[in-house]
Amino acid sequence: MGYSQVAVVAAGKLGFISGQVGIDTEWRLAPTFQQQTVRAFGNLKAAVEACGATMANVCKLTIFAVGDVDSKRIRLFVTPFLQGSPPCRPAASYASPDCTARTL
């Protein structure tokens, strides 16, 4: 059984999108945190639009980051993608994939 990053339910009224990361269509990871964040949100925007919605329709957004990441930096990179009232967006940062989460 496979894994889907996008699921639309209730006749196109509700969509769930997950697993958007900072890679391009050739599966290359962007080299910097800023470029990875911008690319991940570009990927998210494309997935939202594929569901027939816009970023203004996003009601909740959860951000996971690896490393010591400042939430103000994330906000700087993410804000251009958000339209109107920004969605609820909890965030967590991990020192490494094996460590405990820290809320940003």
N, C-alpha and C. Protein backbone atom coordinates (compact mmCIF):
# COMPACT_ATOMS: atom_id res chain seq x y z
N MET A 1 0.84 -1.17 0.00
CA MET A 1 0.00 0.00 0.00
C MET A 1 0.89 1.24 0.00
N GLY A 2 0.62 2.18 -0.87
CA GLY A 2 1.44 3.38 -1.01
C GLY A 2 1.07 4.49 -0.06
N TYR A 3 1.76 5.59 -0.18
CA TYR A 3 1.55 6.77 0.66
C TYR A 3 1.16 7.92 -0.25
N SER A 4 0.12 8.65 0.11
CA SER A 4 -0.33 9.78 -0.69
C SER A 4 -0.09 11.07 0.08
N GLN A 5 0.46 12.07 -0.59
CA GLN A 5 0.69 13.36 0.06
C GLN A 5 -0.53 14.27 -0.01
N VAL A 6 -1.51 13.93 -0.81
CA VAL A 6 -2.71 14.76 -0.93
C VAL A 6 -3.93 13.85 -0.93
N ALA A 7 -4.93 14.22 -0.12
CA ALA A 7 -6.21 13.50 -0.11
C ALA A 7 -7.33 14.54 -0.07
N VAL A 8 -8.28 14.43 -0.97
CA VAL A 8 -9.42 15.33 -1.01
C VAL A 8 -10.65 14.50 -0.68
N VAL A 9 -11.43 15.00 0.28
CA VAL A 9 -12.63 14.29 0.71
C VAL A 9 -13.85 15.21 0.64
N ALA A 10 -15.03 14.66 0.87
CA ALA A 10 -16.29 15.42 0.88
C ALA A 10 -16.49 16.18 -0.43
N ALA A 11 -16.40 15.45 -1.54
CA ALA A 11 -16.66 16.02 -2.86
C ALA A 11 -15.84 17.29 -3.11
N GLY A 12 -14.58 17.26 -2.74
CA GLY A 12 -13.69 18.38 -3.03
C GLY A 12 -13.76 19.53 -2.05
N LYS A 13 -14.44 19.36 -0.93
CA LYS A 13 -14.60 20.44 0.03
C LYS A 13 -13.50 20.49 1.10
N LEU A 14 -12.80 19.39 1.29
CA LEU A 14 -11.80 19.32 2.33
C LEU A 14 -10.60 18.53 1.81
N GLY A 15 -9.42 19.10 1.96
CA GLY A 15 -8.21 18.42 1.50
C GLY A 15 -7.18 18.33 2.61
N PHE A 16 -6.43 17.27 2.63
CA PHE A 16 -5.34 17.08 3.59
C PHE A 16 -4.06 16.91 2.79
N ILE A 17 -3.06 17.72 3.10
CA ILE A 17 -1.79 17.69 2.37
C ILE A 17 -0.68 17.49 3.39
N SER A 18 0.24 16.60 3.10
CA SER A 18 1.35 16.35 4.03
C SER A 18 2.64 16.10 3.27
N GLY A 19 3.73 16.14 4.01
CA GLY A 19 5.01 15.73 3.46
C GLY A 19 5.62 16.65 2.42
N GLN A 20 5.33 17.94 2.50
CA GLN A 20 5.92 18.88 1.54
C GLN A 20 7.29 19.31 2.06
N VAL A 21 8.32 19.00 1.31
CA VAL A 21 9.70 19.29 1.73
C VAL A 21 10.41 20.13 0.67
N GLY A 22 11.61 20.55 0.99
CA GLY A 22 12.36 21.45 0.11
C GLY A 22 13.10 20.77 -1.02
N ILE A 23 12.39 19.94 -1.79
CA ILE A 23 13.01 19.28 -2.95
C ILE A 23 12.35 19.76 -4.23
N ASP A 24 13.07 19.60 -5.33
CA ASP A 24 12.50 19.97 -6.63
C ASP A 24 11.96 18.73 -7.33
N THR A 25 11.53 18.89 -8.56
CA THR A 25 10.93 17.77 -9.30
C THR A 25 11.94 16.66 -9.62
N GLU A 26 13.23 16.96 -9.50
CA GLU A 26 14.27 15.94 -9.71
C GLU A 26 14.74 15.34 -8.38
N TRP A 27 14.01 15.59 -7.30
CA TRP A 27 14.30 15.08 -5.96
C TRP A 27 15.60 15.64 -5.36
N ARG A 28 16.00 16.83 -5.81
CA ARG A 28 17.20 17.47 -5.26
C ARG A 28 16.79 18.39 -4.12
N LEU A 29 17.47 18.27 -2.98
CA LEU A 29 17.22 19.11 -1.81
C LEU A 29 17.91 20.46 -2.00
N ALA A 30 17.17 21.54 -1.75
CA ALA A 30 17.77 22.87 -1.84
C ALA A 30 18.91 22.99 -0.82
N PRO A 31 19.96 23.74 -1.13
CA PRO A 31 21.15 23.75 -0.29
C PRO A 31 21.04 24.52 1.04
N THR A 32 20.20 25.53 1.13
CA THR A 32 20.13 26.32 2.36
C THR A 32 18.76 26.19 3.01
N PHE A 33 18.68 26.53 4.29
CA PHE A 33 17.41 26.46 5.00
C PHE A 33 16.38 27.37 4.34
N GLN A 34 16.77 28.58 3.98
CA GLN A 34 15.83 29.50 3.34
C GLN A 34 15.32 28.92 2.02
N GLN A 35 16.20 28.41 1.19
CA GLN A 35 15.78 27.84 -0.09
C GLN A 35 14.91 26.60 0.10
N GLN A 36 15.22 25.79 1.11
CA GLN A 36 14.39 24.62 1.39
C GLN A 36 12.99 25.04 1.83
N THR A 37 12.91 26.07 2.67
CA THR A 37 11.62 26.56 3.16
C THR A 37 10.79 27.12 2.02
N VAL A 38 11.41 27.95 1.18
CA VAL A 38 10.70 28.54 0.04
C VAL A 38 10.24 27.45 -0.92
N ARG A 39 11.09 26.48 -1.18
CA ARG A 39 10.73 25.40 -2.10
C ARG A 39 9.61 24.53 -1.50
N ALA A 40 9.69 24.24 -0.21
CA ALA A 40 8.63 23.44 0.44
C ALA A 40 7.29 24.16 0.34
N PHE A 41 7.29 25.47 0.54
CA PHE A 41 6.03 26.21 0.44
C PHE A 41 5.58 26.37 -1.00
N GLY A 42 6.50 26.39 -1.93
CA GLY A 42 6.12 26.36 -3.34
C GLY A 42 5.44 25.04 -3.68
N ASN A 43 5.99 23.93 -3.13
CA ASN A 43 5.40 22.61 -3.32
C ASN A 43 4.02 22.54 -2.67
N LEU A 44 3.90 23.12 -1.47
CA LEU A 44 2.61 23.15 -0.78
C LEU A 44 1.58 23.94 -1.59
N LYS A 45 1.98 25.08 -2.11
CA LYS A 45 1.08 25.92 -2.91
C LYS A 45 0.60 25.15 -4.15
N ALA A 46 1.51 24.43 -4.80
CA ALA A 46 1.13 23.64 -5.97
C ALA A 46 0.14 22.55 -5.59
N ALA A 47 0.33 21.90 -4.45
CA ALA A 47 -0.58 20.85 -4.00
C ALA A 47 -1.95 21.43 -3.66
N VAL A 48 -1.96 22.58 -3.00
CA VAL A 48 -3.23 23.25 -2.66
C VAL A 48 -3.98 23.62 -3.94
N GLU A 49 -3.27 24.18 -4.91
CA GLU A 49 -3.91 24.58 -6.16
C GLU A 49 -4.40 23.36 -6.95
N ALA A 50 -3.69 22.24 -6.84
CA ALA A 50 -4.13 21.01 -7.52
C ALA A 50 -5.45 20.51 -6.94
N CYS A 51 -5.75 20.90 -5.70
CA CYS A 51 -7.02 20.54 -5.06
C CYS A 51 -8.13 21.53 -5.43
N GLY A 52 -7.80 22.56 -6.23
CA GLY A 52 -8.80 23.55 -6.60
C GLY A 52 -8.97 24.66 -5.58
N ALA A 53 -7.97 24.86 -4.73
CA ALA A 53 -8.05 25.87 -3.68
C ALA A 53 -6.89 26.86 -3.85
N THR A 54 -6.82 27.83 -2.94
CA THR A 54 -5.70 28.76 -2.90
C THR A 54 -5.12 28.73 -1.48
N MET A 55 -3.98 29.35 -1.29
CA MET A 55 -3.36 29.40 0.03
C MET A 55 -4.25 30.13 1.02
N ALA A 56 -5.15 30.99 0.55
CA ALA A 56 -6.09 31.68 1.44
C ALA A 56 -7.08 30.70 2.06
N ASN A 57 -7.24 29.53 1.45
CA ASN A 57 -8.16 28.51 1.97
C ASN A 57 -7.53 27.62 3.03
N VAL A 58 -6.22 27.74 3.24
CA VAL A 58 -5.53 26.90 4.22
C VAL A 58 -5.94 27.35 5.63
N CYS A 59 -6.44 26.38 6.43
CA CYS A 59 -6.90 26.75 7.78
C CYS A 59 -5.93 26.31 8.88
N LYS A 60 -5.06 25.36 8.61
CA LYS A 60 -4.07 24.93 9.60
C LYS A 60 -2.80 24.50 8.88
N LEU A 61 -1.69 24.87 9.45
CA LEU A 61 -0.40 24.61 8.86
C LEU A 61 0.55 24.21 9.98
N THR A 62 1.16 23.04 9.88
CA THR A 62 2.12 22.60 10.89
C THR A 62 3.50 22.54 10.24
N ILE A 63 4.47 23.13 10.90
CA ILE A 63 5.82 23.20 10.36
C ILE A 63 6.76 22.40 11.27
N PHE A 64 7.53 21.50 10.67
CA PHE A 64 8.57 20.77 11.37
C PHE A 64 9.90 21.15 10.74
N ALA A 65 10.87 21.51 11.57
CA ALA A 65 12.19 21.88 11.07
C ALA A 65 13.25 21.12 11.84
N VAL A 66 14.34 20.78 11.17
CA VAL A 66 15.46 20.09 11.82
C VAL A 66 16.56 21.11 12.04
N GLY A 67 17.09 21.15 13.25
CA GLY A 67 18.15 22.08 13.59
C GLY A 67 17.63 23.20 14.46
N ASP A 68 18.52 24.07 14.85
CA ASP A 68 18.16 25.20 15.70
C ASP A 68 17.62 26.32 14.82
N VAL A 69 16.31 26.36 14.65
CA VAL A 69 15.67 27.27 13.71
C VAL A 69 14.88 28.33 14.46
N ASP A 70 15.07 29.57 14.09
CA ASP A 70 14.35 30.69 14.69
C ASP A 70 12.99 30.84 13.99
N SER A 71 11.92 30.86 14.77
CA SER A 71 10.58 30.96 14.19
C SER A 71 10.39 32.26 13.40
N LYS A 72 11.13 33.31 13.76
CA LYS A 72 11.02 34.58 13.01
C LYS A 72 11.57 34.41 11.60
N ARG A 73 12.62 33.61 11.46
CA ARG A 73 13.17 33.34 10.12
C ARG A 73 12.17 32.58 9.27
N ILE A 74 11.54 31.57 9.87
CA ILE A 74 10.52 30.81 9.14
C ILE A 74 9.41 31.74 8.70
N ARG A 75 8.94 32.59 9.60
CA ARG A 75 7.85 33.51 9.29
C ARG A 75 8.22 34.42 8.12
N LEU A 76 9.45 34.87 8.05
CA LEU A 76 9.90 35.73 6.94
C LEU A 76 9.77 35.02 5.59
N PHE A 77 10.13 33.74 5.55
CA PHE A 77 10.11 32.98 4.30
C PHE A 77 8.70 32.54 3.92
N VAL A 78 7.85 32.30 4.94
CA VAL A 78 6.51 31.74 4.73
C VAL A 78 5.47 32.81 4.40
N THR A 79 5.59 33.98 4.99
CA THR A 79 4.59 35.03 4.85
C THR A 79 4.20 35.34 3.40
N PRO A 80 5.14 35.40 2.45
CA PRO A 80 4.72 35.69 1.07
C PRO A 80 3.77 34.65 0.47
N PHE A 81 3.76 33.44 1.00
CA PHE A 81 2.89 32.38 0.47
C PHE A 81 1.48 32.44 1.05
N LEU A 82 1.34 33.11 2.20
CA LEU A 82 0.05 33.13 2.88
C LEU A 82 -0.74 34.36 2.44
N GLN A 83 -2.03 34.17 2.21
CA GLN A 83 -2.89 35.24 1.74
C GLN A 83 -3.96 35.50 2.79
N GLY A 84 -4.35 36.77 2.95
CA GLY A 84 -5.41 37.09 3.91
C GLY A 84 -4.97 36.78 5.32
N SER A 85 -5.88 36.25 6.11
CA SER A 85 -5.58 35.88 7.49
C SER A 85 -4.72 34.62 7.50
N PRO A 86 -3.56 34.68 8.13
CA PRO A 86 -2.71 33.49 8.15
C PRO A 86 -3.37 32.37 8.94
N PRO A 87 -3.14 31.12 8.56
CA PRO A 87 -3.73 29.99 9.27
C PRO A 87 -3.06 29.77 10.62
N CYS A 88 -3.72 29.02 11.48
CA CYS A 88 -3.11 28.54 12.71
C CYS A 88 -1.87 27.75 12.29
N ARG A 89 -0.71 28.01 12.89
CA ARG A 89 0.47 27.28 12.46
C ARG A 89 1.41 26.94 13.60
N PRO A 90 1.15 25.83 14.28
CA PRO A 90 2.11 25.35 15.27
C PRO A 90 3.38 24.90 14.55
N ALA A 91 4.50 24.97 15.25
CA ALA A 91 5.76 24.57 14.65
C ALA A 91 6.61 23.84 15.68
N ALA A 92 7.44 22.94 15.22
CA ALA A 92 8.36 22.22 16.10
C ALA A 92 9.72 22.16 15.43
N SER A 93 10.76 22.22 16.24
CA SER A 93 12.12 22.13 15.73
C SER A 93 12.80 20.93 16.38
N TYR A 94 13.61 20.22 15.59
CA TYR A 94 14.35 19.06 16.09
C TYR A 94 15.83 19.33 15.93
N ALA A 95 16.61 19.06 16.99
CA ALA A 95 18.05 19.24 16.90
C ALA A 95 18.62 18.26 15.88
N SER A 96 18.09 17.06 15.87
CA SER A 96 18.42 16.06 14.87
C SER A 96 17.21 15.15 14.76
N PRO A 97 17.13 14.32 13.74
CA PRO A 97 15.96 13.45 13.60
C PRO A 97 15.72 12.55 14.82
N ASP A 98 16.73 12.33 15.67
CA ASP A 98 16.59 11.44 16.82
C ASP A 98 16.20 12.17 18.11
N CYS A 99 16.18 13.50 18.11
CA CYS A 99 15.99 14.26 19.33
C CYS A 99 14.54 14.63 19.61
N THR A 100 14.31 15.08 20.80
CA THR A 100 12.99 15.52 21.23
C THR A 100 12.64 16.86 20.58
N ALA A 101 11.37 17.05 20.29
CA ALA A 101 10.90 18.28 19.64
C ALA A 101 10.93 19.45 20.61
N ARG A 102 11.07 20.64 20.05
CA ARG A 102 10.99 21.88 20.80
C ARG A 102 10.01 22.76 20.04
N THR A 103 9.06 23.37 20.75
CA THR A 103 8.08 24.24 20.09
C THR A 103 8.72 25.57 19.75
N LEU A 104 8.47 26.05 18.52
CA LEU A 104 9.02 27.35 18.11
C LEU A 104 8.09 28.46 18.50
